[in-house]
Amino acid sequence: MSIEKLHEASDVLREAATAVEGSAADRLTERADRLAALADRDRGPDHGTVARLQQKLKDLKADEPAAADAVDEANALLNEYRETVEGV
């Protein structure tokens, strides 16, 4: 199911948060929590919501290169989710 991609992305970010420190860890945890909450809703997020999350991850990646691999993996999962969403 496509919602599982959101859970997987959340797990990837949560794990990455344990490998970095400071505000980057907090930001990764916040993004992981947000994805988990979106995945648990009755209806998954639309393209715009996911795009905004991906932009925040891109910004985080620029600020914290140590999280780059995890951010790339989470973004790939989010792209897979978006392929299943109707619209844009």
PDB file of N, CA and C in Angstrom:
ATOM      1  N   MET A   1       0.847  -1.186   0.000  1.00  0.00           N
ATOM      2  CA  MET A   1       0.000   0.000   0.000  1.00  0.00           C
ATOM      3  C   MET A   1       0.888   1.244   0.000  1.00  0.00           C
ATOM      4  N   SER A   2       0.467   2.276  -0.655  1.00  0.00           N
ATOM      5  CA  SER A   2       1.287   3.475  -0.807  1.00  0.00           C
ATOM      6  C   SER A   2       1.551   4.191   0.509  1.00  0.00           C
ATOM      7  N   ILE A   3       0.616   4.095   1.455  1.00  0.00           N
ATOM      8  CA  ILE A   3       0.807   4.748   2.753  1.00  0.00           C
ATOM      9  C   ILE A   3       2.037   4.170   3.452  1.00  0.00           C
ATOM     10  N   GLU A   4       2.344   2.918   3.181  1.00  0.00           N
ATOM     11  CA  GLU A   4       3.523   2.299   3.793  1.00  0.00           C
ATOM     12  C   GLU A   4       4.800   3.058   3.425  1.00  0.00           C
ATOM     13  N   LYS A   5       4.821   3.666   2.249  1.00  0.00           N
ATOM     14  CA  LYS A   5       5.993   4.457   1.850  1.00  0.00           C
ATOM     15  C   LYS A   5       6.198   5.630   2.801  1.00  0.00           C
ATOM     16  N   LEU A   6       5.100   6.205   3.285  1.00  0.00           N
ATOM     17  CA  LEU A   6       5.205   7.301   4.250  1.00  0.00           C
ATOM     18  C   LEU A   6       5.768   6.793   5.572  1.00  0.00           C
ATOM     19  N   HIS A   7       5.309   5.633   6.009  1.00  0.00           N
ATOM     20  CA  HIS A   7       5.838   5.036   7.242  1.00  0.00           C
ATOM     21  C   HIS A   7       7.321   4.712   7.095  1.00  0.00           C
ATOM     22  N   GLU A   8       7.685   4.167   5.946  1.00  0.00           N
ATOM     23  CA  GLU A   8       9.087   3.833   5.705  1.00  0.00           C
ATOM     24  C   GLU A   8       9.955   5.091   5.731  1.00  0.00           C
ATOM     25  N   ALA A   9       9.494   6.147   5.081  1.00  0.00           N
ATOM     26  CA  ALA A   9      10.243   7.409   5.073  1.00  0.00           C
ATOM     27  C   ALA A   9      10.372   7.956   6.491  1.00  0.00           C
ATOM     28  N   SER A  10       9.307   7.860   7.264  1.00  0.00           N
ATOM     29  CA  SER A  10       9.339   8.299   8.653  1.00  0.00           C
ATOM     30  C   SER A  10      10.392   7.523   9.434  1.00  0.00           C
ATOM     31  N   ASP A  11      10.426   6.208   9.245  1.00  0.00           N
ATOM     32  CA  ASP A  11      11.400   5.370   9.951  1.00  0.00           C
ATOM     33  C   ASP A  11      12.836   5.731   9.567  1.00  0.00           C
ATOM     34  N   VAL A  12      13.053   5.991   8.297  1.00  0.00           N
ATOM     35  CA  VAL A  12      14.390   6.362   7.814  1.00  0.00           C
ATOM     36  C   VAL A  12      14.848   7.658   8.493  1.00  0.00           C
ATOM     37  N   LEU A  13      13.955   8.638   8.540  1.00  0.00           N
ATOM     38  CA  LEU A  13      14.319   9.922   9.149  1.00  0.00           C
ATOM     39  C   LEU A  13      14.525   9.789  10.646  1.00  0.00           C
ATOM     40  N   ARG A  14      13.703   8.992  11.297  1.00  0.00           N
ATOM     41  CA  ARG A  14      13.830   8.792  12.745  1.00  0.00           C
ATOM     42  C   ARG A  14      15.176   8.144  13.075  1.00  0.00           C
ATOM     43  N   GLU A  15      15.561   7.161  12.266  1.00  0.00           N
ATOM     44  CA  GLU A  15      16.853   6.515  12.482  1.00  0.00           C
ATOM     45  C   GLU A  15      18.001   7.491  12.245  1.00  0.00           C
ATOM     46  N   ALA A  16      17.873   8.300  11.205  1.00  0.00           N
ATOM     47  CA  ALA A  16      18.920   9.289  10.911  1.00  0.00           C
ATOM     48  C   ALA A  16      19.058  10.304  12.043  1.00  0.00           C
ATOM     49  N   ALA A  17      17.960  10.612  12.701  1.00  0.00           N
ATOM     50  CA  ALA A  17      17.999  11.585  13.805  1.00  0.00           C
ATOM     51  C   ALA A  17      18.884  11.107  14.945  1.00  0.00           C
ATOM     52  N   THR A  18      19.009   9.791  15.085  1.00  0.00           N
ATOM     53  CA  THR A  18      19.862   9.265  16.158  1.00  0.00           C
ATOM     54  C   THR A  18      21.342   9.373  15.816  1.00  0.00           C
ATOM     55  N   ALA A  19      21.653   9.595  14.544  1.00  0.00           N
ATOM     56  CA  ALA A  19      23.041   9.649  14.100  1.00  0.00           C
ATOM     57  C   ALA A  19      23.610  11.066  14.048  1.00  0.00           C
ATOM     58  N   VAL A  20      22.756  12.069  14.202  1.00  0.00           N
ATOM     59  CA  VAL A  20      23.221  13.460  14.195  1.00  0.00           C
ATOM     60  C   VAL A  20      22.819  14.114  15.516  1.00  0.00           C
ATOM     61  N   GLU A  21      23.327  15.304  15.715  1.00  0.00           N
ATOM     62  CA  GLU A  21      23.058  16.001  16.973  1.00  0.00           C
ATOM     63  C   GLU A  21      22.435  17.366  16.723  1.00  0.00           C
ATOM     64  N   GLY A  22      21.957  17.953  17.791  1.00  0.00           N
ATOM     65  CA  GLY A  22      21.488  19.332  17.766  1.00  0.00           C
ATOM     66  C   GLY A  22      20.203  19.534  17.006  1.00  0.00           C
ATOM     67  N   SER A  23      20.119  20.696  16.386  1.00  0.00           N
ATOM     68  CA  SER A  23      18.882  21.077  15.710  1.00  0.00           C
ATOM     69  C   SER A  23      18.564  20.158  14.526  1.00  0.00           C
ATOM     70  N   ALA A  24      19.585  19.611  13.884  1.00  0.00           N
ATOM     71  CA  ALA A  24      19.339  18.697  12.767  1.00  0.00           C
ATOM     72  C   ALA A  24      18.588  17.460  13.251  1.00  0.00           C
ATOM     73  N   ALA A  25      18.977  16.948  14.403  1.00  0.00           N
ATOM     74  CA  ALA A  25      18.278  15.786  14.969  1.00  0.00           C
ATOM     75  C   ALA A  25      16.830  16.143  15.281  1.00  0.00           C
ATOM     76  N   ASP A  26      16.635  17.322  15.838  1.00  0.00           N
ATOM     77  CA  ASP A  26      15.271  17.771  16.145  1.00  0.00           C
ATOM     78  C   ASP A  26      14.435  17.911  14.879  1.00  0.00           C
ATOM     79  N   ARG A  27      15.029  18.482  13.846  1.00  0.00           N
ATOM     80  CA  ARG A  27      14.303  18.683  12.593  1.00  0.00           C
ATOM     81  C   ARG A  27      13.974  17.355  11.921  1.00  0.00           C
ATOM     82  N   LEU A  28      14.904  16.406  11.968  1.00  0.00           N
ATOM     83  CA  LEU A  28      14.637  15.081  11.402  1.00  0.00           C
ATOM     84  C   LEU A  28      13.511  14.390  12.161  1.00  0.00           C
ATOM     85  N   THR A  29      13.538  14.509  13.473  1.00  0.00           N
ATOM     86  CA  THR A  29      12.486  13.905  14.291  1.00  0.00           C
ATOM     87  C   THR A  29      11.143  14.549  14.006  1.00  0.00           C
ATOM     88  N   GLU A  30      11.114  15.866  13.860  1.00  0.00           N
ATOM     89  CA  GLU A  30       9.866  16.567  13.536  1.00  0.00           C
ATOM     90  C   GLU A  30       9.309  16.099  12.192  1.00  0.00           C
ATOM     91  N   ARG A  31      10.175  15.960  11.191  1.00  0.00           N
ATOM     92  CA  ARG A  31       9.725  15.494   9.871  1.00  0.00           C
ATOM     93  C   ARG A  31       9.230  14.052   9.957  1.00  0.00           C
ATOM     94  N   ALA A  32       9.925  13.224  10.725  1.00  0.00           N
ATOM     95  CA  ALA A  32       9.503  11.829  10.905  1.00  0.00           C
ATOM     96  C   ALA A  32       8.139  11.766  11.571  1.00  0.00           C
ATOM     97  N   ASP A  33       7.942  12.578  12.595  1.00  0.00           N
ATOM     98  CA  ASP A  33       6.649  12.611  13.290  1.00  0.00           C
ATOM     99  C   ASP A  33       5.540  13.074  12.352  1.00  0.00           C
ATOM    100  N   ARG A  34       5.839  14.069  11.542  1.00  0.00           N
ATOM    101  CA  ARG A  34       4.841  14.606  10.601  1.00  0.00           C
ATOM    102  C   ARG A  34       4.434  13.542   9.576  1.00  0.00           C
ATOM    103  N   LEU A  35       5.417  12.844   9.046  1.00  0.00           N
ATOM    104  CA  LEU A  35       5.113  11.797   8.075  1.00  0.00           C
ATOM    105  C   LEU A  35       4.292  10.678   8.709  1.00  0.00           C
ATOM    106  N   ALA A  36       4.638  10.296   9.917  1.00  0.00           N
ATOM    107  CA  ALA A  36       3.884   9.243  10.599  1.00  0.00           C
ATOM    108  C   ALA A  36       2.442   9.680  10.822  1.00  0.00           C
ATOM    109  N   ALA A  37       2.256  10.926  11.214  1.00  0.00           N
ATOM    110  CA  ALA A  37       0.898  11.443  11.441  1.00  0.00           C
ATOM    111  C   ALA A  37       0.101  11.462  10.139  1.00  0.00           C
ATOM    112  N   LEU A  38       0.732  11.873   9.058  1.00  0.00           N
ATOM    113  CA  LEU A  38       0.052  11.890   7.753  1.00  0.00           C
ATOM    114  C   LEU A  38      -0.314  10.477   7.307  1.00  0.00           C
ATOM    115  N   ALA A  39       0.569   9.538   7.571  1.00  0.00           N
ATOM    116  CA  ALA A  39       0.313   8.154   7.172  1.00  0.00           C
ATOM    117  C   ALA A  39      -0.822   7.535   7.971  1.00  0.00           C
ATOM    118  N   ASP A  40      -1.025   8.007   9.179  1.00  0.00           N
ATOM    119  CA  ASP A  40      -2.059   7.440  10.056  1.00  0.00           C
ATOM    120  C   ASP A  40      -3.435   8.058   9.843  1.00  0.00           C
ATOM    121  N   ARG A  41      -3.521   9.092   9.021  1.00  0.00           N
ATOM    122  CA  ARG A  41      -4.826   9.698   8.740  1.00  0.00           C
ATOM    123  C   ARG A  41      -5.649   8.797   7.832  1.00  0.00           C
ATOM    124  N   ASP A  42      -6.952   9.050   7.811  1.00  0.00           N
ATOM    125  CA  ASP A  42      -7.836   8.273   6.944  1.00  0.00           C
ATOM    126  C   ASP A  42      -7.493   8.456   5.470  1.00  0.00           C
ATOM    127  N   ARG A  43      -7.049   9.639   5.142  1.00  0.00           N
ATOM    128  CA  ARG A  43      -6.705   9.957   3.755  1.00  0.00           C
ATOM    129  C   ARG A  43      -5.267  10.460   3.716  1.00  0.00           C
ATOM    130  N   GLY A  44      -4.464   9.930   2.815  1.00  0.00           N
ATOM    131  CA  GLY A  44      -3.068  10.328   2.716  1.00  0.00           C
ATOM    132  C   GLY A  44      -2.913  11.751   2.206  1.00  0.00           C
ATOM    133  N   PRO A  45      -1.730  12.308   2.333  1.00  0.00           N
ATOM    134  CA  PRO A  45      -1.476  13.683   1.894  1.00  0.00           C
ATOM    135  C   PRO A  45      -1.504  13.820   0.378  1.00  0.00           C
ATOM    136  N   ASP A  46      -1.806  15.035  -0.069  1.00  0.00           N
ATOM    137  CA  ASP A  46      -1.818  15.318  -1.501  1.00  0.00           C
ATOM    138  C   ASP A  46      -0.414  15.701  -1.968  1.00  0.00           C
ATOM    139  N   HIS A  47      -0.300  15.954  -3.257  1.00  0.00           N
ATOM    140  CA  HIS A  47       1.001  16.297  -3.844  1.00  0.00           C
ATOM    141  C   HIS A  47       1.626  17.522  -3.183  1.00  0.00           C
ATOM    142  N   GLY A  48       0.820  18.542  -2.949  1.00  0.00           N
ATOM    143  CA  GLY A  48       1.354  19.781  -2.386  1.00  0.00           C
ATOM    144  C   GLY A  48       1.931  19.590  -1.002  1.00  0.00           C
ATOM    145  N   THR A  49       1.257  18.828  -0.181  1.00  0.00           N
ATOM    146  CA  THR A  49       1.736  18.569   1.177  1.00  0.00           C
ATOM    147  C   THR A  49       3.059  17.822   1.137  1.00  0.00           C
ATOM    148  N   VAL A  50       3.132  16.817   0.292  1.00  0.00           N
ATOM    149  CA  VAL A  50       4.366  16.043   0.191  1.00  0.00           C
ATOM    150  C   VAL A  50       5.487  16.903  -0.398  1.00  0.00           C
ATOM    151  N   ALA A  51       5.178  17.730  -1.355  1.00  0.00           N
ATOM    152  CA  ALA A  51       6.191  18.612  -1.949  1.00  0.00           C
ATOM    153  C   ALA A  51       6.764  19.569  -0.906  1.00  0.00           C
ATOM    154  N   ARG A  52       5.905  20.097  -0.039  1.00  0.00           N
ATOM    155  CA  ARG A  52       6.396  20.988   1.027  1.00  0.00           C
ATOM    156  C   ARG A  52       7.311  20.237   1.990  1.00  0.00           C
ATOM    157  N   LEU A  53       6.948  19.021   2.317  1.00  0.00           N
ATOM    158  CA  LEU A  53       7.806  18.208   3.180  1.00  0.00           C
ATOM    159  C   LEU A  53       9.139  17.925   2.508  1.00  0.00           C
ATOM    160  N   GLN A  54       9.096  17.631   1.230  1.00  0.00           N
ATOM    161  CA  GLN A  54      10.333  17.365   0.506  1.00  0.00           C
ATOM    162  C   GLN A  54      11.229  18.604   0.447  1.00  0.00           C
ATOM    163  N   GLN A  55      10.636  19.774   0.326  1.00  0.00           N
ATOM    164  CA  GLN A  55      11.436  20.994   0.319  1.00  0.00           C
ATOM    165  C   GLN A  55      12.109  21.199   1.673  1.00  0.00           C
ATOM    166  N   LYS A  56      11.396  20.921   2.740  1.00  0.00           N
ATOM    167  CA  LYS A  56      11.989  21.043   4.081  1.00  0.00           C
ATOM    168  C   LYS A  56      13.131  20.050   4.246  1.00  0.00           C
ATOM    169  N   LEU A  57      12.969  18.868   3.691  1.00  0.00           N
ATOM    170  CA  LEU A  57      14.043  17.887   3.751  1.00  0.00           C
ATOM    171  C   LEU A  57      15.245  18.345   2.930  1.00  0.00           C
ATOM    172  N   LYS A  58      14.992  18.950   1.786  1.00  0.00           N
ATOM    173  CA  LYS A  58      16.082  19.475   0.947  1.00  0.00           C
ATOM    174  C   LYS A  58      16.858  20.549   1.712  1.00  0.00           C
ATOM    175  N   ASP A  59      16.135  21.421   2.400  1.00  0.00           N
ATOM    176  CA  ASP A  59      16.793  22.454   3.207  1.00  0.00           C
ATOM    177  C   ASP A  59      17.607  21.836   4.334  1.00  0.00           C
ATOM    178  N   LEU A  60      17.062  20.821   4.961  1.00  0.00           N
ATOM    179  CA  LEU A  60      17.752  20.142   6.050  1.00  0.00           C
ATOM    180  C   LEU A  60      19.028  19.478   5.535  1.00  0.00           C
ATOM    181  N   LYS A  61      18.936  18.875   4.380  1.00  0.00           N
ATOM    182  CA  LYS A  61      20.101  18.224   3.767  1.00  0.00           C
ATOM    183  C   LYS A  61      21.211  19.229   3.521  1.00  0.00           C
ATOM    184  N   ALA A  62      20.850  20.406   3.076  1.00  0.00           N
ATOM    185  CA  ALA A  62      21.858  21.445   2.823  1.00  0.00           C
ATOM    186  C   ALA A  62      22.515  21.895   4.123  1.00  0.00           C
ATOM    187  N   ASP A  63      21.746  21.920   5.199  1.00  0.00           N
ATOM    188  CA  ASP A  63      22.265  22.355   6.494  1.00  0.00           C
ATOM    189  C   ASP A  63      23.031  21.260   7.222  1.00  0.00           C
ATOM    190  N   GLU A  64      22.705  20.017   6.950  1.00  0.00           N
ATOM    191  CA  GLU A  64      23.297  18.889   7.668  1.00  0.00           C
ATOM    192  C   GLU A  64      23.697  17.783   6.687  1.00  0.00           C
ATOM    193  N   PRO A  65      24.876  17.916   6.087  1.00  0.00           N
ATOM    194  CA  PRO A  65      25.327  16.927   5.103  1.00  0.00           C
ATOM    195  C   PRO A  65      25.391  15.500   5.650  1.00  0.00           C
ATOM    196  N   ALA A  66      25.559  15.337   6.942  1.00  0.00           N
ATOM    197  CA  ALA A  66      25.629  13.999   7.527  1.00  0.00           C
ATOM    198  C   ALA A  66      24.305  13.246   7.372  1.00  0.00           C
ATOM    199  N   ALA A  67      23.230  13.976   7.162  1.00  0.00           N
ATOM    200  CA  ALA A  67      21.909  13.360   7.004  1.00  0.00           C
ATOM    201  C   ALA A  67      21.537  13.172   5.539  1.00  0.00           C
ATOM    202  N   ALA A  68      22.452  13.476   4.633  1.00  0.00           N
ATOM    203  CA  ALA A  68      22.149  13.478   3.197  1.00  0.00           C
ATOM    204  C   ALA A  68      21.627  12.135   2.696  1.00  0.00           C
ATOM    205  N   ASP A  69      22.260  11.049   3.078  1.00  0.00           N
ATOM    206  CA  ASP A  69      21.828   9.739   2.582  1.00  0.00           C
ATOM    207  C   ASP A  69      20.416   9.409   3.043  1.00  0.00           C
ATOM    208  N   ALA A  70      20.129   9.688   4.310  1.00  0.00           N
ATOM    209  CA  ALA A  70      18.795   9.411   4.845  1.00  0.00           C
ATOM    210  C   ALA A  70      17.753  10.293   4.171  1.00  0.00           C
ATOM    211  N   VAL A  71      18.083  11.550   3.956  1.00  0.00           N
ATOM    212  CA  VAL A  71      17.147  12.465   3.297  1.00  0.00           C
ATOM    213  C   VAL A  71      16.889  12.000   1.866  1.00  0.00           C
ATOM    214  N   ASP A  72      17.926  11.580   1.172  1.00  0.00           N
ATOM    215  CA  ASP A  72      17.750  11.080  -0.191  1.00  0.00           C
ATOM    216  C   ASP A  72      16.860   9.836  -0.212  1.00  0.00           C
ATOM    217  N   GLU A  73      17.071   8.938   0.741  1.00  0.00           N
ATOM    218  CA  GLU A  73      16.253   7.725   0.810  1.00  0.00           C
ATOM    219  C   GLU A  73      14.795   8.068   1.115  1.00  0.00           C
ATOM    220  N   ALA A  74      14.583   8.975   2.070  1.00  0.00           N
ATOM    221  CA  ALA A  74      13.217   9.391   2.416  1.00  0.00           C
ATOM    222  C   ALA A  74      12.547  10.062   1.221  1.00  0.00           C
ATOM    223  N   ASN A  75      13.285  10.909   0.512  1.00  0.00           N
ATOM    224  CA  ASN A  75      12.716  11.564  -0.667  1.00  0.00           C
ATOM    225  C   ASN A  75      12.346  10.553  -1.750  1.00  0.00           C
ATOM    226  N   ALA A  76      13.155   9.538  -1.933  1.00  0.00           N
ATOM    227  CA  ALA A  76      12.835   8.502  -2.919  1.00  0.00           C
ATOM    228  C   ALA A  76      11.535   7.784  -2.534  1.00  0.00           C
ATOM    229  N   LEU A  77      11.368   7.499  -1.254  1.00  0.00           N
ATOM    230  CA  LEU A  77      10.137   6.868  -0.783  1.00  0.00           C
ATOM    231  C   LEU A  77       8.937   7.792  -0.968  1.00  0.00           C
ATOM    232  N   LEU A  78       9.145   9.081  -0.706  1.00  0.00           N
ATOM    233  CA  LEU A  78       8.059  10.045  -0.898  1.00  0.00           C
ATOM    234  C   LEU A  78       7.694  10.162  -2.371  1.00  0.00           C
ATOM    235  N   ASN A  79       8.673  10.091  -3.246  1.00  0.00           N
ATOM    236  CA  ASN A  79       8.383  10.097  -4.686  1.00  0.00           C
ATOM    237  C   ASN A  79       7.573   8.863  -5.090  1.00  0.00           C
ATOM    238  N   GLU A  80       7.912   7.716  -4.510  1.00  0.00           N
ATOM    239  CA  GLU A  80       7.146   6.499  -4.795  1.00  0.00           C
ATOM    240  C   GLU A  80       5.704   6.669  -4.321  1.00  0.00           C
ATOM    241  N   TYR A  81       5.527   7.277  -3.161  1.00  0.00           N
ATOM    242  CA  TYR A  81       4.173   7.535  -2.664  1.00  0.00           C
ATOM    243  C   TYR A  81       3.434   8.454  -3.636  1.00  0.00           C
ATOM    244  N   ARG A  82       4.100   9.529  -4.060  1.00  0.00           N
ATOM    245  CA  ARG A  82       3.449  10.508  -4.936  1.00  0.00           C
ATOM    246  C   ARG A  82       3.001   9.904  -6.262  1.00  0.00           C
ATOM    247  N   GLU A  83       3.702   8.874  -6.724  1.00  0.00           N
ATOM    248  CA  GLU A  83       3.309   8.213  -7.973  1.00  0.00           C
ATOM    249  C   GLU A  83       1.932   7.570  -7.855  1.00  0.00           C
ATOM    250  N   THR A  84       1.487   7.307  -6.631  1.00  0.00           N
ATOM    251  CA  THR A  84       0.191   6.656  -6.425  1.00  0.00           C
ATOM    252  C   THR A  84      -0.933   7.650  -6.163  1.00  0.00           C
ATOM    253  N   VAL A  85      -0.593   8.934  -6.063  1.00  0.00           N
ATOM    254  CA  VAL A  85      -1.580   9.961  -5.741  1.00  0.00           C
ATOM    255  C   VAL A  85      -2.118  10.569  -7.037  1.00  0.00           C
ATOM    256  N   GLU A  86      -3.420  10.657  -7.119  1.00  0.00           N
ATOM    257  CA  GLU A  86      -4.022  11.258  -8.303  1.00  0.00           C
ATOM    258  C   GLU A  86      -3.783  12.757  -8.304  1.00  0.00           C
ATOM    259  N   GLY A  87      -3.861  13.334  -9.460  1.00  0.00           N
ATOM    260  CA  GLY A  87      -3.696  14.786  -9.582  1.00  0.00           C
ATOM    261  C   GLY A  87      -2.450  15.120 -10.346  1.00  0.00           C
ATOM    262  N   VAL A  88      -1.865  16.221  -9.994  1.00  0.00           N
ATOM    263  CA  VAL A  88      -0.715  16.802 -10.680  1.00  0.00           C
ATOM    264  C   VAL A  88       0.186  15.801 -11.299  1.00  0.00           C
TER     265      VAL A  88
END
